[in-house]
Amino acid sequence: MEYVKIGGSGLRVSRICLGMLSYGRNVGQSWTVDRWPWTLDEREAEPIVRSAVDGGITFFDTADVYNGGQSEIVTGRLLRKFFAMREEYVLATKVRMPSMPGENGWGLSRKHIMAAIDASLTRLGTDYVDLYQIHRWDPDTPIEETMEALHDVVRAGKARYLGASNLFAWQFAKAQSVARTRMISMQNHYNLIYREEEREMIPQCLDMGVGVLPFSPLARGLLAGARDSSARARSDTVADEFYRLELDRPVIDRLNAAADQRAVPPAQVALAWLLHRPGVTAPIVGATKPGHLHDSLAAEQLDLSAEEIALLEEAYQAHPVVGHTVAPAPVRA
């Protein structure tokens, strides 16, 4: 496993980040917005996370909203089990989505950020997170208030670095311009069949020295050949909004051909392509089966030629920009 710095910071991480969204069964709080029937409980997740650690992965990403907070609980327990010291791994979480009841139980206000970081640390069982990320933009809170609160979280020692997820380029630029503690990472939607981030966000990240942490690197299974068969695919309707098979089929066909020529699964080629892209620090991969993790670790060692990369890229067609907005806060009677 190769280890690199996130952007221009000094924080070193593995080139593969394990996304912890898949772990921790939701306990069904009425105020949460994310419930996924395909998630694994702690017992099921343990061998997968152990294999990730054995494979050299030291970077783990979760969020306070994932599975009603259960993802953070399982993440904290398993990492404490598999690492002797807290400094051995890099832990990231997020704030913004509804994660507690009440009118201030979501968003990027000072009140919610200060409550949310303490709640996340309690669930994770740690004194600090390495990377604290805003989970999309909050149009109802001045960004000056948000960035000042996040600066205070860092000053208090509860987070080492700051990052963001799913912003428009202008939003990210505005946040950085008012920040006393600037963000070092952008977690965005980026893969072989959704490359709209190459137009503005990724060039901006390169200019700012910000590391790119792509989520959905396999396009929710479409680039792994598992879209129709996986449990996640049967319950995940987001992909229907994100992707257009009439646009994506030529790219997927080329991916499959390249994988056949290499005699490897298409997931490995798709992840290897992403790892070759400028600015990309570490794709955030999900794994609910040992094979998923094997493909991710193998992709980190797969070196694509310039000709292979060009063939994969030239069939891409522009997509509508998606993923930057979220539903409003839950309506309560």
Protein backbone atom coordinates (compact mmCIF):
# COMPACT_ATOMS: atom_id res chain seq x y z
CA MET A 1 0.00 0.00 0.00
CA GLU A 2 1.24 3.46 -0.92
CA TYR A 3 0.80 6.35 1.53
CA VAL A 4 0.45 9.96 0.43
CA LYS A 5 -0.34 13.37 1.89
CA ILE A 6 -3.80 14.88 1.54
CA GLY A 7 -3.25 17.81 -0.79
CA GLY A 8 -0.75 20.29 0.55
CA SER A 9 -1.20 19.21 4.17
CA GLY A 10 1.15 17.03 6.18
CA LEU A 11 -1.51 14.39 6.88
CA ARG A 12 -0.49 11.03 5.41
CA VAL A 13 -3.12 8.45 4.45
CA SER A 14 -3.37 5.18 2.57
CA ARG A 15 -4.25 5.55 -1.12
CA ILE A 16 -7.47 3.64 -0.45
CA CYS A 17 -9.97 4.91 2.12
CA LEU A 18 -12.52 2.48 3.52
CA GLY A 19 -15.96 4.05 3.64
CA MET A 20 -17.86 2.94 6.74
CA LEU A 21 -21.36 3.73 5.44
CA SER A 22 -22.07 0.01 5.06
CA TYR A 23 -21.58 -0.82 8.74
CA GLY A 24 -23.94 -0.43 11.69
CA ARG A 25 -27.62 -1.29 11.55
CA ASN A 26 -29.93 1.71 11.90
CA VAL A 27 -31.88 1.62 15.16
CA GLY A 28 -34.76 3.53 13.54
CA GLN A 29 -34.82 7.02 15.05
CA SER A 30 -37.66 8.98 13.48
CA TRP A 31 -35.46 12.04 12.85
CA THR A 32 -32.79 10.31 10.77
CA VAL A 33 -32.91 10.49 6.99
CA ASP A 34 -30.62 7.63 6.01
CA ARG A 35 -31.81 4.02 6.38
CA TRP A 36 -30.20 1.31 4.29
CA PRO A 37 -31.31 -2.34 4.53
CA TRP A 38 -28.05 -3.62 3.03
CA THR A 39 -25.82 -2.49 5.90
CA LEU A 40 -23.87 -5.01 7.98
CA ASP A 41 -23.90 -5.35 11.73
CA GLU A 42 -20.68 -5.23 13.73
CA ARG A 43 -20.11 -8.98 13.66
CA GLU A 44 -20.48 -9.07 9.87
CA ALA A 45 -18.32 -5.99 9.36
CA GLU A 46 -15.44 -7.15 11.57
CA PRO A 47 -13.68 -9.54 9.14
CA ILE A 48 -13.92 -7.00 6.30
CA VAL A 49 -12.42 -4.20 8.36
CA ARG A 50 -9.75 -6.57 9.65
CA SER A 51 -8.81 -7.45 6.07
CA ALA A 52 -8.63 -3.76 5.20
CA VAL A 53 -6.22 -3.13 8.07
CA ASP A 54 -4.17 -6.20 7.14
CA GLY A 55 -4.03 -4.84 3.57
CA GLY A 56 -2.51 -1.57 4.74
CA ILE A 57 -5.58 0.69 4.81
CA THR A 58 -5.21 3.32 7.54
CA PHE A 59 -7.85 5.82 6.36
CA PHE A 60 -11.51 5.43 7.37
CA ASP A 61 -14.47 7.69 6.56
CA THR A 62 -17.89 7.84 8.20
CA ALA A 63 -20.55 10.45 9.07
CA ASP A 64 -22.76 11.22 12.04
CA VAL A 65 -25.88 10.55 9.96
CA TYR A 66 -24.88 7.14 8.66
CA ASN A 67 -27.30 4.54 9.99
CA GLY A 68 -28.55 6.79 12.77
CA GLY A 69 -25.08 7.11 14.31
CA GLN A 70 -24.49 3.37 14.40
CA SER A 71 -21.77 3.60 11.76
CA GLU A 72 -19.69 5.82 14.03
CA ILE A 73 -20.21 3.43 16.95
CA VAL A 74 -19.13 0.37 14.95
CA THR A 75 -16.25 2.26 13.35
CA GLY A 76 -14.86 3.33 16.72
CA ARG A 77 -15.14 -0.13 18.23
CA LEU A 78 -13.48 -1.93 15.34
CA LEU A 79 -10.62 0.52 14.91
CA ARG A 80 -9.81 0.35 18.62
CA LYS A 81 -9.71 -3.43 18.26
CA PHE A 82 -7.41 -3.55 15.25
CA PHE A 83 -4.95 -0.73 16.01
CA ALA A 84 -2.73 -0.57 19.07
CA MET A 85 -2.54 3.24 19.09
CA ARG A 86 -4.89 6.00 17.98
CA GLU A 87 -2.12 7.68 15.98
CA GLU A 88 -1.86 4.67 13.67
CA TYR A 89 -5.01 5.47 11.70
CA VAL A 90 -6.76 8.48 10.17
CA LEU A 91 -10.43 8.88 11.04
CA ALA A 92 -12.83 11.16 9.18
CA THR A 93 -16.45 12.01 9.89
CA LYS A 94 -18.97 14.62 8.76
CA VAL A 95 -21.53 17.12 10.05
CA ARG A 96 -24.60 18.77 8.52
CA MET A 97 -27.40 16.21 8.09
CA PRO A 98 -30.10 15.58 10.73
CA SER A 99 -28.28 13.69 13.47
CA MET A 100 -30.33 14.58 16.57
CA PRO A 101 -33.88 15.72 17.28
CA GLY A 102 -34.98 19.34 17.49
CA GLU A 103 -34.92 22.40 15.28
CA ASN A 104 -31.16 22.73 15.76
CA GLY A 105 -30.48 19.05 15.22
CA TRP A 106 -29.07 19.57 11.74
CA GLY A 107 -27.27 22.14 9.59
CA LEU A 108 -24.01 24.05 9.94
CA SER A 109 -24.87 26.54 12.65
CA ARG A 110 -22.45 27.06 15.53
CA LYS A 111 -24.96 25.44 17.87
CA HIS A 112 -25.28 22.26 15.83
CA ILE A 113 -21.59 21.93 14.99
CA MET A 114 -20.58 22.20 18.65
CA ALA A 115 -23.19 19.63 19.69
CA ALA A 116 -22.47 17.33 16.74
CA ILE A 117 -18.72 17.09 17.22
CA ASP A 118 -19.15 16.08 20.86
CA ALA A 119 -21.80 13.51 19.92
CA SER A 120 -19.57 12.07 17.18
CA LEU A 121 -16.58 11.80 19.52
CA THR A 122 -18.73 9.99 22.08
CA ARG A 123 -19.99 7.49 19.50
CA LEU A 124 -16.51 6.99 18.03
CA GLY A 125 -14.95 6.60 21.47
CA THR A 126 -12.08 8.98 20.74
CA ASP A 127 -10.88 12.39 21.86
CA TYR A 128 -10.52 13.75 18.33
CA VAL A 129 -11.14 13.07 14.66
CA ASP A 130 -8.41 13.63 12.11
CA LEU A 131 -10.68 15.09 9.44
CA TYR A 132 -13.98 16.86 10.16
CA GLN A 133 -15.99 17.55 7.00
CA ILE A 134 -19.04 19.63 6.22
CA HIS A 135 -21.58 17.31 4.62
CA ARG A 136 -22.78 19.63 1.82
CA TRP A 137 -23.65 23.34 1.94
CA ASP A 138 -26.12 24.87 4.38
CA PRO A 139 -27.93 27.75 2.67
CA ASP A 140 -29.59 28.77 5.94
CA THR A 141 -26.38 29.53 7.84
CA PRO A 142 -23.80 32.20 6.94
CA ILE A 143 -20.63 30.46 5.86
CA GLU A 144 -18.66 32.84 8.11
CA GLU A 145 -20.46 31.37 11.13
CA THR A 146 -19.80 27.84 9.96
CA MET A 147 -16.11 28.31 9.30
CA GLU A 148 -15.52 30.15 12.57
CA ALA A 149 -17.21 27.34 14.50
CA LEU A 150 -15.11 24.75 12.69
CA HIS A 151 -11.98 26.78 13.45
CA ASP A 152 -12.93 26.64 17.13
CA VAL A 153 -13.41 22.86 16.90
CA VAL A 154 -9.83 22.57 15.65
CA ARG A 155 -8.53 25.01 18.26
CA ALA A 156 -10.23 22.93 20.97
CA GLY A 157 -8.33 19.86 19.77
CA LYS A 158 -11.44 17.96 18.73
CA ALA A 159 -10.41 17.82 15.05
CA ARG A 160 -6.98 17.98 13.47
CA TYR A 161 -8.04 19.08 9.96
CA LEU A 162 -11.14 20.25 8.11
CA GLY A 163 -12.68 19.18 4.83
CA ALA A 164 -15.86 19.41 2.78
CA SER A 165 -18.13 17.17 0.75
CA ASN A 166 -20.35 17.86 -2.26
CA LEU A 167 -20.05 21.59 -2.81
CA PHE A 168 -20.15 23.67 -5.95
CA ALA A 169 -16.81 25.24 -6.76
CA TRP A 170 -18.05 28.75 -5.89
CA GLN A 171 -19.25 27.52 -2.49
CA PHE A 172 -15.92 25.92 -1.72
CA ALA A 173 -14.04 29.04 -2.81
CA LYS A 174 -16.24 31.20 -0.59
CA ALA A 175 -15.75 28.92 2.42
CA GLN A 176 -11.98 28.91 1.98
CA SER A 177 -11.88 32.69 1.57
CA VAL A 178 -13.42 33.33 5.01
CA ALA A 179 -11.78 30.43 6.88
CA ARG A 180 -9.18 30.94 9.57
CA THR A 181 -8.55 27.18 9.38
CA ARG A 182 -8.74 26.24 5.71
CA MET A 183 -10.01 22.90 4.47
CA ILE A 184 -7.52 20.35 3.14
CA SER A 185 -9.87 17.98 1.30
CA MET A 186 -12.90 17.77 -0.96
CA GLN A 187 -14.98 14.60 -0.89
CA ASN A 188 -16.88 14.66 -4.16
CA HIS A 189 -18.78 12.46 -6.58
CA TYR A 190 -16.25 11.37 -9.19
CA ASN A 191 -15.81 8.22 -11.25
CA LEU A 192 -15.34 6.98 -14.81
CA ILE A 193 -18.95 7.73 -15.80
CA TYR A 194 -19.42 10.94 -13.78
CA ARG A 195 -16.59 13.37 -14.52
CA GLU A 196 -18.31 16.73 -14.22
CA GLU A 197 -16.05 17.58 -11.28
CA GLU A 198 -13.18 17.90 -13.77
CA ARG A 199 -14.69 21.13 -15.12
CA GLU A 200 -14.31 23.39 -12.06
CA MET A 201 -13.92 21.64 -8.70
CA ILE A 202 -10.86 19.52 -9.38
CA PRO A 203 -8.89 22.32 -11.09
CA GLN A 204 -9.77 24.51 -8.11
CA CYS A 205 -8.57 21.84 -5.68
CA LEU A 206 -5.30 21.50 -7.59
CA ASP A 207 -4.83 25.26 -7.45
CA MET A 208 -5.59 25.40 -3.71
CA GLY A 209 -3.54 22.34 -2.77
CA VAL A 210 -6.66 20.48 -1.68
CA GLY A 211 -6.81 16.68 -1.84
CA VAL A 212 -9.67 14.99 -3.70
CA LEU A 213 -11.42 12.05 -1.97
CA PRO A 214 -13.91 10.66 -4.50
CA PHE A 215 -16.99 8.84 -3.25
CA SER A 216 -18.98 6.34 -5.35
CA PRO A 217 -15.79 5.45 -7.26
CA LEU A 218 -17.59 2.45 -8.79
CA ALA A 219 -20.79 4.39 -9.57
CA ARG A 220 -22.87 2.43 -7.06
CA GLY A 221 -21.90 -0.86 -8.67
CA LEU A 222 -22.30 0.08 -12.33
CA LEU A 223 -18.54 -0.03 -12.88
CA ALA A 224 -18.24 -3.34 -11.04
CA GLY A 225 -20.85 -5.18 -13.08
CA ALA A 226 -23.00 -5.65 -9.98
CA ARG A 227 -25.68 -3.03 -10.40
CA ASP A 228 -28.53 -5.48 -11.04
CA SER A 229 -27.56 -8.18 -8.57
CA SER A 230 -26.45 -6.51 -5.35
CA ALA A 231 -28.65 -5.94 -2.33
CA ARG A 232 -27.70 -2.28 -2.40
CA ALA A 233 -28.78 -1.93 -6.02
CA ARG A 234 -32.24 -3.28 -5.27
CA SER A 235 -32.85 -0.66 -2.58
CA ASP A 236 -30.74 2.27 -3.84
CA THR A 237 -32.66 4.64 -6.11
CA VAL A 238 -30.02 7.39 -6.08
CA ALA A 239 -28.16 5.79 -8.98
CA ASP A 240 -31.19 6.34 -11.19
CA GLU A 241 -30.70 10.08 -10.65
CA PHE A 242 -26.90 10.09 -10.92
CA TYR A 243 -26.33 8.01 -14.04
CA ARG A 244 -27.69 7.72 -17.59
CA LEU A 245 -27.17 4.31 -19.16
CA GLU A 246 -27.75 5.71 -22.64
CA LEU A 247 -24.71 7.93 -22.03
CA ASP A 248 -22.71 5.51 -19.90
CA ARG A 249 -22.93 2.25 -21.85
CA PRO A 250 -20.07 3.08 -24.28
CA VAL A 251 -17.75 3.82 -21.34
CA ILE A 252 -18.82 0.68 -19.49
CA ASP A 253 -18.25 -1.41 -22.62
CA ARG A 254 -14.71 -0.05 -22.94
CA LEU A 255 -14.10 -0.69 -19.26
CA ASN A 256 -15.21 -4.30 -19.61
CA ALA A 257 -13.01 -4.76 -22.68
CA ALA A 258 -9.97 -3.33 -20.86
CA ALA A 259 -10.67 -5.57 -17.88
CA ASP A 260 -10.98 -8.64 -20.11
CA GLN A 261 -7.68 -7.85 -21.76
CA ARG A 262 -6.04 -7.54 -18.35
CA ALA A 263 -7.92 -10.61 -17.04
CA VAL A 264 -9.05 -8.67 -13.96
CA PRO A 265 -12.50 -7.56 -12.74
CA PRO A 266 -13.75 -4.24 -14.17
CA ALA A 267 -13.85 -2.76 -10.67
CA GLN A 268 -10.06 -2.94 -10.48
CA VAL A 269 -9.61 -1.06 -13.75
CA ALA A 270 -12.19 1.60 -12.80
CA LEU A 271 -10.49 2.24 -9.45
CA ALA A 272 -7.03 2.21 -11.02
CA TRP A 273 -8.18 4.85 -13.51
CA LEU A 274 -9.34 7.05 -10.65
CA LEU A 275 -6.04 6.62 -8.82
CA HIS A 276 -4.26 7.91 -11.94
CA ARG A 277 -6.28 11.14 -12.03
CA PRO A 278 -4.62 14.45 -11.04
CA GLY A 279 -5.45 15.60 -7.53
CA VAL A 280 -6.97 12.32 -6.35
CA THR A 281 -5.62 11.34 -2.94
CA ALA A 282 -7.74 8.32 -2.02
CA PRO A 283 -11.03 6.99 -3.41
CA ILE A 284 -13.54 6.10 -0.69
CA VAL A 285 -14.52 2.49 -1.33
CA GLY A 286 -17.32 0.50 0.21
CA ALA A 287 -17.11 -3.21 0.95
CA THR A 288 -19.82 -5.61 2.09
CA LYS A 289 -18.06 -8.72 0.81
CA PRO A 290 -14.39 -9.77 0.96
CA GLY A 291 -14.16 -9.62 -2.85
CA HIS A 292 -15.03 -5.93 -2.84
CA LEU A 293 -12.03 -5.21 -0.64
CA HIS A 294 -9.75 -7.46 -2.68
CA ASP A 295 -10.56 -5.48 -5.83
CA SER A 296 -9.81 -2.20 -4.08
CA LEU A 297 -6.44 -3.37 -2.78
CA ALA A 298 -5.51 -4.87 -6.14
CA ALA A 299 -6.47 -1.68 -7.99
CA GLU A 300 -3.96 0.29 -5.93
CA GLN A 301 -1.23 -1.88 -7.49
CA LEU A 302 -2.58 -1.76 -11.06
CA ASP A 303 -0.65 0.54 -13.39
CA LEU A 304 -2.64 1.56 -16.49
CA SER A 305 -0.94 2.68 -19.68
CA ALA A 306 -1.57 6.05 -21.29
CA GLU A 307 -3.28 4.24 -24.17
CA GLU A 308 -5.65 2.38 -21.83
CA ILE A 309 -6.54 5.59 -20.02
CA ALA A 310 -7.24 7.41 -23.28
CA LEU A 311 -9.52 4.62 -24.51
CA LEU A 312 -11.47 4.63 -21.26
CA GLU A 313 -11.91 8.39 -21.30
CA GLU A 314 -12.73 9.26 -24.88
CA ALA A 315 -16.29 7.83 -24.88
CA TYR A 316 -17.42 10.00 -21.95
CA GLN A 317 -20.39 12.31 -22.51
CA ALA A 318 -21.42 15.24 -20.32
CA HIS A 319 -23.94 14.57 -17.54
CA PRO A 320 -26.32 16.83 -15.63
CA VAL A 321 -24.66 18.05 -12.44
CA VAL A 322 -26.18 16.18 -9.48
CA GLY A 323 -25.58 15.51 -5.82
CA HIS A 324 -24.98 18.98 -4.42
CA THR A 325 -28.40 19.63 -2.93
CA VAL A 326 -30.21 17.76 -0.16
CA ALA A 327 -33.74 17.46 1.05
CA PRO A 328 -34.90 20.00 3.63
CA ALA A 329 -34.93 19.21 7.32
CA PRO A 330 -37.48 16.58 8.41
CA VAL A 331 -41.02 17.88 8.83
CA ARG A 332 -42.31 17.32 12.35
CA ALA A 333 -45.90 17.35 13.48
